[in-house]
Amino acid sequence: MKKKNNEPKADREPKRLPRKYLPGYAFIPKEGHYDVRKVGLTRDQVKNDPRFYNSRLLAAQFGRAVKFAQALLTACSKPLGIKCKSGQLTGIINRALMADESNIFGSGILMTENLAELIGFEFNETARFEEVCTLPFSINPNTHKGSLSIEVPAFVPAYYLKPPANVSHARIWLMSAILDPIVFTGTLTAAKTTCFPIKRLQVSACSLSIPPKTEGHLVQVIALGIQWYGYVNGQSRLKESVAPGSLTVIDVH
């Protein structure tokens, strides 16, 4: 049973008044009175005031950039065990949206010609791809078909790879994330080498290729990465992604 408050009404703490009593001011309850403070914008102003129309458009556009960045991160970084913060990537996508001058202000559409800044983006800033893998890849884009392939030369892993601790094996990935800039969904296709031991004297040469996108309005982000494997707690079975891999964007279609 709820206890009855026997305090005199005059001594009770006044309730906080909603801001609608006086727009632009906040009422902070004190001992027996309210401390009135002027505040900035109210939610109602931002939502309905015609003066903030452009702000609402930009906020909606930024929201689309966040969704696109999350779709790209989910498609690419998860297989390699990378936990990437989306802030920098969202900024790149938002600038690409703002560069679209064919649509009205705040309603930009992602176009590949505005995504050049995305090339070279590192999903793992603490272990950049060029720092952990110095292999001389040969990248062969097919501009007519829109496909891309890379030639991996024969190499000695110990000379070209700098693995983290507790890593015994590795695998090289070529990824293609096909993203829909309208509904913000992504699909991933990938080609990868066999899992090879770091201590192997030589890994044979191979070729990795990914198919082109099928529809013109889609955005294709191509990335090159490496995944690390190792034995955990003395187990005899290799465990994938024992350390975050590295991944860098090499092309956008």
C-alpha atoms as a PDB file:
ATOM      1  CA  MET A   1       0.000   0.000   0.000  1.00  0.00           C
ATOM      2  CA  LYS A   2       1.362   3.388  -1.030  1.00  0.00           C
ATOM      3  CA  LYS A   3       2.333   5.683   1.840  1.00  0.00           C
ATOM      4  CA  LYS A   4       0.499   8.922   2.100  1.00  0.00           C
ATOM      5  CA  ASN A   5       2.621  12.059   1.934  1.00  0.00           C
ATOM      6  CA  ASN A   6       1.845  14.012   5.093  1.00  0.00           C
ATOM      7  CA  GLU A   7       4.183  16.919   4.319  1.00  0.00           C
ATOM      8  CA  PRO A   8       2.486  20.305   4.096  1.00  0.00           C
ATOM      9  CA  LYS A   9       1.800  21.287   0.496  1.00  0.00           C
ATOM     10  CA  ALA A  10       3.847  24.472   0.849  1.00  0.00           C
ATOM     11  CA  ASP A  11       6.977  22.482   1.789  1.00  0.00           C
ATOM     12  CA  ARG A  12       6.804  19.986  -1.062  1.00  0.00           C
ATOM     13  CA  GLU A  13       9.251  20.195  -3.980  1.00  0.00           C
ATOM     14  CA  PRO A  14       7.431  21.781  -6.916  1.00  0.00           C
ATOM     15  CA  LYS A  15       7.015  19.605 -10.000  1.00  0.00           C
ATOM     16  CA  ARG A  16       9.008  20.401 -13.127  1.00  0.00           C
ATOM     17  CA  LEU A  17       6.840  22.324 -15.544  1.00  0.00           C
ATOM     18  CA  PRO A  18       6.881  21.242 -19.182  1.00  0.00           C
ATOM     19  CA  ARG A  19       8.680  23.619 -21.525  1.00  0.00           C
ATOM     20  CA  LYS A  20       5.456  24.392 -23.417  1.00  0.00           C
ATOM     21  CA  TYR A  21       4.436  26.711 -20.571  1.00  0.00           C
ATOM     22  CA  LEU A  22       6.968  29.207 -21.838  1.00  0.00           C
ATOM     23  CA  PRO A  23       8.810  28.212 -25.043  1.00  0.00           C
ATOM     24  CA  GLY A  24      12.519  28.930 -24.914  1.00  0.00           C
ATOM     25  CA  TYR A  25      12.773  28.667 -21.118  1.00  0.00           C
ATOM     26  CA  ALA A  26      13.341  25.793 -18.691  1.00  0.00           C
ATOM     27  CA  PHE A  27      11.877  25.682 -15.190  1.00  0.00           C
ATOM     28  CA  ILE A  28      14.189  24.059 -12.626  1.00  0.00           C
ATOM     29  CA  PRO A  29      12.463  23.253  -9.313  1.00  0.00           C
ATOM     30  CA  LYS A  30      14.237  24.683  -6.268  1.00  0.00           C
ATOM     31  CA  GLU A  31      13.282  25.036  -2.617  1.00  0.00           C
ATOM     32  CA  GLY A  32       9.867  26.601  -2.795  1.00  0.00           C
ATOM     33  CA  HIS A  33      10.371  28.241  -6.180  1.00  0.00           C
ATOM     34  CA  TYR A  34      11.426  27.690  -9.800  1.00  0.00           C
ATOM     35  CA  ASP A  35      14.777  28.699 -11.273  1.00  0.00           C
ATOM     36  CA  VAL A  36      13.988  29.967 -14.772  1.00  0.00           C
ATOM     37  CA  ARG A  37      16.727  29.529 -17.363  1.00  0.00           C
ATOM     38  CA  LYS A  38      16.761  30.478 -20.984  1.00  0.00           C
ATOM     39  CA  VAL A  39      17.446  27.528 -23.257  1.00  0.00           C
ATOM     40  CA  GLY A  40      18.335  27.090 -26.921  1.00  0.00           C
ATOM     41  CA  LEU A  41      16.124  25.607 -29.573  1.00  0.00           C
ATOM     42  CA  THR A  42      13.054  23.684 -28.583  1.00  0.00           C
ATOM     43  CA  ARG A  43      12.153  20.389 -30.190  1.00  0.00           C
ATOM     44  CA  ASP A  44       9.008  21.932 -31.614  1.00  0.00           C
ATOM     45  CA  GLN A  45      11.012  24.709 -33.306  1.00  0.00           C
ATOM     46  CA  VAL A  46      13.415  22.307 -34.983  1.00  0.00           C
ATOM     47  CA  LYS A  47      10.565  20.054 -36.099  1.00  0.00           C
ATOM     48  CA  ASN A  48       8.090  22.647 -37.378  1.00  0.00           C
ATOM     49  CA  ASP A  49       9.648  26.109 -37.687  1.00  0.00           C
ATOM     50  CA  PRO A  50      10.070  27.078 -41.395  1.00  0.00           C
ATOM     51  CA  ARG A  51      13.404  28.728 -40.515  1.00  0.00           C
ATOM     52  CA  PHE A  52      14.890  25.285 -39.828  1.00  0.00           C
ATOM     53  CA  TYR A  53      13.685  23.639 -43.032  1.00  0.00           C
ATOM     54  CA  ASN A  54      17.234  23.257 -44.410  1.00  0.00           C
ATOM     55  CA  SER A  55      18.414  21.879 -41.081  1.00  0.00           C
ATOM     56  CA  ARG A  56      15.758  19.181 -41.256  1.00  0.00           C
ATOM     57  CA  LEU A  57      16.821  18.268 -44.803  1.00  0.00           C
ATOM     58  CA  LEU A  58      20.485  18.026 -43.804  1.00  0.00           C
ATOM     59  CA  ALA A  59      19.618  15.925 -40.751  1.00  0.00           C
ATOM     60  CA  ALA A  60      17.643  13.496 -42.934  1.00  0.00           C
ATOM     61  CA  GLN A  61      20.531  13.326 -45.421  1.00  0.00           C
ATOM     62  CA  PHE A  62      23.011  12.633 -42.625  1.00  0.00           C
ATOM     63  CA  GLY A  63      20.736   9.848 -41.434  1.00  0.00           C
ATOM     64  CA  ARG A  64      20.941   8.247 -44.878  1.00  0.00           C
ATOM     65  CA  ALA A  65      24.751   8.509 -44.756  1.00  0.00           C
ATOM     66  CA  VAL A  66      24.764   6.700 -41.392  1.00  0.00           C
ATOM     67  CA  LYS A  67      22.617   3.863 -42.777  1.00  0.00           C
ATOM     68  CA  PHE A  68      24.826   3.471 -45.863  1.00  0.00           C
ATOM     69  CA  ALA A  69      27.981   3.409 -43.742  1.00  0.00           C
ATOM     70  CA  GLN A  70      26.493   0.768 -41.452  1.00  0.00           C
ATOM     71  CA  ALA A  71      25.481  -1.373 -44.455  1.00  0.00           C
ATOM     72  CA  LEU A  72      29.036  -1.177 -45.817  1.00  0.00           C
ATOM     73  CA  LEU A  73      30.617  -2.004 -42.445  1.00  0.00           C
ATOM     74  CA  THR A  74      28.295  -4.960 -41.911  1.00  0.00           C
ATOM     75  CA  ALA A  75      29.039  -6.345 -45.370  1.00  0.00           C
ATOM     76  CA  CYS A  76      32.833  -5.988 -45.301  1.00  0.00           C
ATOM     77  CA  SER A  77      34.323  -5.828 -41.824  1.00  0.00           C
ATOM     78  CA  LYS A  78      32.410  -8.600 -40.029  1.00  0.00           C
ATOM     79  CA  PRO A  79      34.024 -11.560 -41.909  1.00  0.00           C
ATOM     80  CA  LEU A  80      37.504 -10.357 -40.893  1.00  0.00           C
ATOM     81  CA  GLY A  81      36.625  -9.715 -37.245  1.00  0.00           C
ATOM     82  CA  ILE A  82      37.124  -5.949 -37.577  1.00  0.00           C
ATOM     83  CA  LYS A  83      35.235  -3.650 -35.224  1.00  0.00           C
ATOM     84  CA  CYS A  84      35.275  -0.394 -37.134  1.00  0.00           C
ATOM     85  CA  LYS A  85      33.768   2.861 -35.901  1.00  0.00           C
ATOM     86  CA  SER A  86      31.527   4.369 -38.520  1.00  0.00           C
ATOM     87  CA  GLY A  87      32.210   8.081 -37.843  1.00  0.00           C
ATOM     88  CA  GLN A  88      34.901   8.650 -40.478  1.00  0.00           C
ATOM     89  CA  LEU A  89      33.102   6.484 -43.030  1.00  0.00           C
ATOM     90  CA  THR A  90      29.812   8.328 -42.399  1.00  0.00           C
ATOM     91  CA  GLY A  91      31.598  11.646 -43.030  1.00  0.00           C
ATOM     92  CA  ILE A  92      32.882  10.411 -46.409  1.00  0.00           C
ATOM     93  CA  ILE A  93      29.422   9.209 -47.433  1.00  0.00           C
ATOM     94  CA  ASN A  94      27.769  12.439 -46.273  1.00  0.00           C
ATOM     95  CA  ARG A  95      30.208  14.572 -48.294  1.00  0.00           C
ATOM     96  CA  ALA A  96      29.450  12.420 -51.338  1.00  0.00           C
ATOM     97  CA  LEU A  97      25.720  13.052 -50.846  1.00  0.00           C
ATOM     98  CA  MET A  98      26.307  16.803 -50.535  1.00  0.00           C
ATOM     99  CA  ALA A  99      28.365  16.767 -53.762  1.00  0.00           C
ATOM    100  CA  ASP A 100      25.319  15.657 -55.760  1.00  0.00           C
ATOM    101  CA  GLU A 101      24.145  18.821 -57.533  1.00  0.00           C
ATOM    102  CA  SER A 102      21.573  17.109 -59.743  1.00  0.00           C
ATOM    103  CA  ASN A 103      19.010  16.924 -56.915  1.00  0.00           C
ATOM    104  CA  ILE A 104      17.541  19.511 -54.594  1.00  0.00           C
ATOM    105  CA  PHE A 105      19.404  20.614 -51.473  1.00  0.00           C
ATOM    106  CA  GLY A 106      19.462  17.909 -48.806  1.00  0.00           C
ATOM    107  CA  SER A 107      18.214  15.179 -51.159  1.00  0.00           C
ATOM    108  CA  GLY A 108      21.509  14.015 -52.637  1.00  0.00           C
ATOM    109  CA  ILE A 109      21.942  10.561 -54.143  1.00  0.00           C
ATOM    110  CA  LEU A 110      25.105   8.507 -53.915  1.00  0.00           C
ATOM    111  CA  MET A 111      26.964   8.466 -57.220  1.00  0.00           C
ATOM    112  CA  THR A 112      30.216   6.614 -57.811  1.00  0.00           C
ATOM    113  CA  GLU A 113      31.919   9.704 -59.243  1.00  0.00           C
ATOM    114  CA  ASN A 114      31.476  11.412 -55.854  1.00  0.00           C
ATOM    115  CA  LEU A 115      32.914   8.505 -53.859  1.00  0.00           C
ATOM    116  CA  ALA A 116      36.583   8.867 -54.874  1.00  0.00           C
ATOM    117  CA  GLU A 117      37.424   9.793 -51.258  1.00  0.00           C
ATOM    118  CA  LEU A 118      36.369   6.286 -50.245  1.00  0.00           C
ATOM    119  CA  ILE A 119      39.313   4.716 -52.119  1.00  0.00           C
ATOM    120  CA  GLY A 120      42.096   4.040 -49.621  1.00  0.00           C
ATOM    121  CA  PHE A 121      39.723   3.947 -46.629  1.00  0.00           C
ATOM    122  CA  GLU A 122      41.071   1.640 -43.915  1.00  0.00           C
ATOM    123  CA  PHE A 123      38.548  -0.386 -41.915  1.00  0.00           C
ATOM    124  CA  ASN A 124      41.147  -1.086 -39.214  1.00  0.00           C
ATOM    125  CA  GLU A 125      43.156   2.059 -38.467  1.00  0.00           C
ATOM    126  CA  THR A 126      45.288   0.315 -35.849  1.00  0.00           C
ATOM    127  CA  ALA A 127      46.525  -2.243 -38.406  1.00  0.00           C
ATOM    128  CA  ARG A 128      46.490  -0.696 -41.870  1.00  0.00           C
ATOM    129  CA  PHE A 129      46.605  -3.168 -44.732  1.00  0.00           C
ATOM    130  CA  GLU A 130      49.716  -1.671 -46.312  1.00  0.00           C
ATOM    131  CA  GLU A 131      51.535  -2.014 -42.979  1.00  0.00           C
ATOM    132  CA  VAL A 132      50.756  -5.703 -42.374  1.00  0.00           C
ATOM    133  CA  CYS A 133      50.895  -6.894 -45.987  1.00  0.00           C
ATOM    134  CA  THR A 134      53.503  -5.557 -48.418  1.00  0.00           C
ATOM    135  CA  LEU A 135      52.848  -7.987 -51.260  1.00  0.00           C
ATOM    136  CA  PRO A 136      53.259  -6.469 -54.773  1.00  0.00           C
ATOM    137  CA  PHE A 137      49.712  -7.175 -55.999  1.00  0.00           C
ATOM    138  CA  SER A 138      48.832  -6.595 -59.637  1.00  0.00           C
ATOM    139  CA  ILE A 139      45.328  -5.083 -59.890  1.00  0.00           C
ATOM    140  CA  ASN A 140      43.568  -5.620 -63.224  1.00  0.00           C
ATOM    141  CA  PRO A 141      40.271  -3.750 -63.587  1.00  0.00           C
ATOM    142  CA  ASN A 142      38.035  -4.569 -66.543  1.00  0.00           C
ATOM    143  CA  THR A 143      36.359  -1.220 -67.182  1.00  0.00           C
ATOM    144  CA  HIS A 144      34.215  -2.653 -69.994  1.00  0.00           C
ATOM    145  CA  LYS A 145      32.659  -5.411 -67.876  1.00  0.00           C
ATOM    146  CA  GLY A 146      33.034  -3.647 -64.534  1.00  0.00           C
ATOM    147  CA  SER A 147      34.813  -6.621 -62.972  1.00  0.00           C
ATOM    148  CA  LEU A 148      38.190  -6.644 -61.250  1.00  0.00           C
ATOM    149  CA  SER A 149      40.886  -9.206 -60.576  1.00  0.00           C
ATOM    150  CA  ILE A 150      44.186  -9.199 -58.716  1.00  0.00           C
ATOM    151  CA  GLU A 151      47.229 -11.338 -59.307  1.00  0.00           C
ATOM    152  CA  VAL A 152      48.878 -12.622 -56.151  1.00  0.00           C
ATOM    153  CA  PRO A 153      52.520 -13.518 -56.914  1.00  0.00           C
ATOM    154  CA  ALA A 154      54.336 -16.433 -55.359  1.00  0.00           C
ATOM    155  CA  PHE A 155      55.753 -15.188 -52.048  1.00  0.00           C
ATOM    156  CA  VAL A 156      57.423 -16.095 -48.774  1.00  0.00           C
ATOM    157  CA  PRO A 157      54.924 -15.096 -46.003  1.00  0.00           C
ATOM    158  CA  ALA A 158      57.614 -14.253 -43.448  1.00  0.00           C
ATOM    159  CA  TYR A 159      59.034 -11.607 -45.800  1.00  0.00           C
ATOM    160  CA  TYR A 160      55.784  -9.854 -46.732  1.00  0.00           C
ATOM    161  CA  LEU A 161      53.430 -10.278 -43.757  1.00  0.00           C
ATOM    162  CA  LYS A 162      53.553  -8.768 -40.281  1.00  0.00           C
ATOM    163  CA  PRO A 163      51.052 -10.829 -38.288  1.00  0.00           C
ATOM    164  CA  PRO A 164      49.906 -10.034 -34.732  1.00  0.00           C
ATOM    165  CA  ALA A 165      50.918 -12.240 -31.823  1.00  0.00           C
ATOM    166  CA  ASN A 166      49.482 -15.767 -31.581  1.00  0.00           C
ATOM    167  CA  VAL A 167      48.827 -15.912 -35.336  1.00  0.00           C
ATOM    168  CA  SER A 168      50.027 -18.935 -37.289  1.00  0.00           C
ATOM    169  CA  HIS A 169      48.030 -18.782 -40.544  1.00  0.00           C
ATOM    170  CA  ALA A 170      46.542 -16.180 -42.872  1.00  0.00           C
ATOM    171  CA  ARG A 171      44.196 -15.770 -45.814  1.00  0.00           C
ATOM    172  CA  ILE A 172      43.971 -12.953 -48.373  1.00  0.00           C
ATOM    173  CA  TRP A 173      40.498 -11.684 -49.356  1.00  0.00           C
ATOM    174  CA  LEU A 174      39.178  -9.733 -52.331  1.00  0.00           C
ATOM    175  CA  MET A 175      35.724  -8.410 -51.437  1.00  0.00           C
ATOM    176  CA  SER A 176      32.927  -6.824 -53.407  1.00  0.00           C
ATOM    177  CA  ALA A 177      30.119  -5.141 -51.474  1.00  0.00           C
ATOM    178  CA  ILE A 178      27.103  -4.321 -53.654  1.00  0.00           C
ATOM    179  CA  LEU A 179      25.108  -1.611 -51.901  1.00  0.00           C
ATOM    180  CA  ASP A 180      21.712  -0.141 -52.698  1.00  0.00           C
ATOM    181  CA  PRO A 181      21.828   3.613 -51.929  1.00  0.00           C
ATOM    182  CA  ILE A 182      18.037   3.805 -51.796  1.00  0.00           C
ATOM    183  CA  VAL A 183      17.076   1.046 -49.355  1.00  0.00           C
ATOM    184  CA  PHE A 184      20.546   0.828 -47.710  1.00  0.00           C
ATOM    185  CA  THR A 185      21.048  -2.919 -48.034  1.00  0.00           C
ATOM    186  CA  GLY A 186      24.272  -4.664 -49.011  1.00  0.00           C
ATOM    187  CA  THR A 187      25.358  -8.041 -50.324  1.00  0.00           C
ATOM    188  CA  LEU A 188      28.889  -9.399 -50.224  1.00  0.00           C
ATOM    189  CA  THR A 189      30.730 -11.557 -52.719  1.00  0.00           C
ATOM    190  CA  ALA A 190      34.322 -12.519 -52.096  1.00  0.00           C
ATOM    191  CA  ALA A 191      37.255 -14.424 -53.526  1.00  0.00           C
ATOM    192  CA  LYS A 192      39.954 -15.642 -51.176  1.00  0.00           C
ATOM    193  CA  THR A 193      43.161 -17.627 -51.131  1.00  0.00           C
ATOM    194  CA  THR A 194      43.582 -20.861 -49.269  1.00  0.00           C
ATOM    195  CA  CYS A 195      44.519 -20.569 -45.603  1.00  0.00           C
ATOM    196  CA  PHE A 196      48.325 -20.772 -45.560  1.00  0.00           C
ATOM    197  CA  PRO A 197      50.841 -21.043 -42.673  1.00  0.00           C
ATOM    198  CA  ILE A 198      52.966 -17.978 -41.976  1.00  0.00           C
ATOM    199  CA  LYS A 199      56.067 -20.182 -41.695  1.00  0.00           C
ATOM    200  CA  ARG A 200      55.623 -21.756 -45.118  1.00  0.00           C
ATOM    201  CA  LEU A 201      58.692 -21.302 -47.307  1.00  0.00           C
ATOM    202  CA  GLN A 202      56.605 -20.212 -50.311  1.00  0.00           C
ATOM    203  CA  VAL A 203      52.942 -19.697 -51.201  1.00  0.00           C
ATOM    204  CA  SER A 204      52.019 -20.377 -54.817  1.00  0.00           C
ATOM    205  CA  ALA A 205      50.823 -17.598 -57.121  1.00  0.00           C
ATOM    206  CA  CYS A 206      47.079 -17.266 -57.699  1.00  0.00           C
ATOM    207  CA  SER A 207      44.444 -14.978 -59.160  1.00  0.00           C
ATOM    208  CA  LEU A 208      41.390 -13.579 -57.371  1.00  0.00           C
ATOM    209  CA  SER A 209      38.467 -12.025 -59.248  1.00  0.00           C
ATOM    210  CA  ILE A 210      35.015 -10.649 -58.440  1.00  0.00           C
ATOM    211  CA  PRO A 211      32.029 -10.181 -60.782  1.00  0.00           C
ATOM    212  CA  PRO A 212      30.588  -6.783 -61.778  1.00  0.00           C
ATOM    213  CA  LYS A 213      27.418  -5.266 -60.365  1.00  0.00           C
ATOM    214  CA  THR A 214      24.215  -6.136 -62.212  1.00  0.00           C
ATOM    215  CA  GLU A 215      22.256  -2.868 -61.915  1.00  0.00           C
ATOM    216  CA  GLY A 216      23.429   0.647 -62.733  1.00  0.00           C
ATOM    217  CA  HIS A 217      22.060   2.444 -59.651  1.00  0.00           C
ATOM    218  CA  LEU A 218      23.897   0.125 -57.256  1.00  0.00           C
ATOM    219  CA  VAL A 219      27.258   1.065 -55.715  1.00  0.00           C
ATOM    220  CA  GLN A 220      30.052  -1.510 -55.780  1.00  0.00           C
ATOM    221  CA  VAL A 221      32.830  -1.117 -53.214  1.00  0.00           C
ATOM    222  CA  ILE A 222      35.869  -3.367 -53.783  1.00  0.00           C
ATOM    223  CA  ALA A 223      38.278  -4.014 -50.918  1.00  0.00           C
ATOM    224  CA  LEU A 224      41.425  -6.032 -50.344  1.00  0.00           C
ATOM    225  CA  GLY A 225      42.081  -7.570 -46.947  1.00  0.00           C
ATOM    226  CA  ILE A 226      43.788 -10.199 -44.854  1.00  0.00           C
ATOM    227  CA  GLN A 227      42.391 -12.521 -42.190  1.00  0.00           C
ATOM    228  CA  TRP A 228      44.417 -14.059 -39.355  1.00  0.00           C
ATOM    229  CA  TYR A 229      44.122 -17.584 -37.924  1.00  0.00           C
ATOM    230  CA  GLY A 230      45.690 -19.264 -34.928  1.00  0.00           C
ATOM    231  CA  TYR A 231      45.495 -21.996 -32.327  1.00  0.00           C
ATOM    232  CA  VAL A 232      43.763 -20.948 -29.119  1.00  0.00           C
ATOM    233  CA  ASN A 233      44.437 -22.486 -25.691  1.00  0.00           C
ATOM    234  CA  GLY A 234      46.384 -25.390 -27.131  1.00  0.00           C
ATOM    235  CA  GLN A 235      43.505 -26.584 -29.327  1.00  0.00           C
ATOM    236  CA  SER A 236      44.391 -28.576 -32.427  1.00  0.00           C
ATOM    237  CA  ARG A 237      41.812 -26.826 -34.605  1.00  0.00           C
ATOM    238  CA  LEU A 238      42.561 -23.468 -36.243  1.00  0.00           C
ATOM    239  CA  LYS A 239      40.366 -20.592 -35.129  1.00  0.00           C
ATOM    240  CA  GLU A 240      39.592 -17.783 -37.563  1.00  0.00           C
ATOM    241  CA  SER A 241      39.881 -14.080 -36.758  1.00  0.00           C
ATOM    242  CA  VAL A 242      41.987 -14.623 -33.633  1.00  0.00           C
ATOM    243  CA  ALA A 243      43.061 -11.006 -34.210  1.00  0.00           C
ATOM    244  CA  PRO A 244      41.276  -8.243 -36.152  1.00  0.00           C
ATOM    245  CA  GLY A 245      42.192  -8.385 -39.815  1.00  0.00           C
ATOM    246  CA  SER A 246      43.036  -5.516 -42.131  1.00  0.00           C
ATOM    247  CA  LEU A 247      40.955  -4.218 -45.024  1.00  0.00           C
ATOM    248  CA  THR A 248      41.328  -1.318 -47.461  1.00  0.00           C
ATOM    249  CA  VAL A 249      39.094  -0.030 -50.274  1.00  0.00           C
ATOM    250  CA  ILE A 250      40.827  -0.254 -53.665  1.00  0.00           C
ATOM    251  CA  ASP A 251      38.033   0.717 -56.078  1.00  0.00           C
ATOM    252  CA  VAL A 252      34.442   1.991 -56.323  1.00  0.00           C
ATOM    253  CA  HIS A 253      32.064   1.430 -59.239  1.00  0.00           C
END
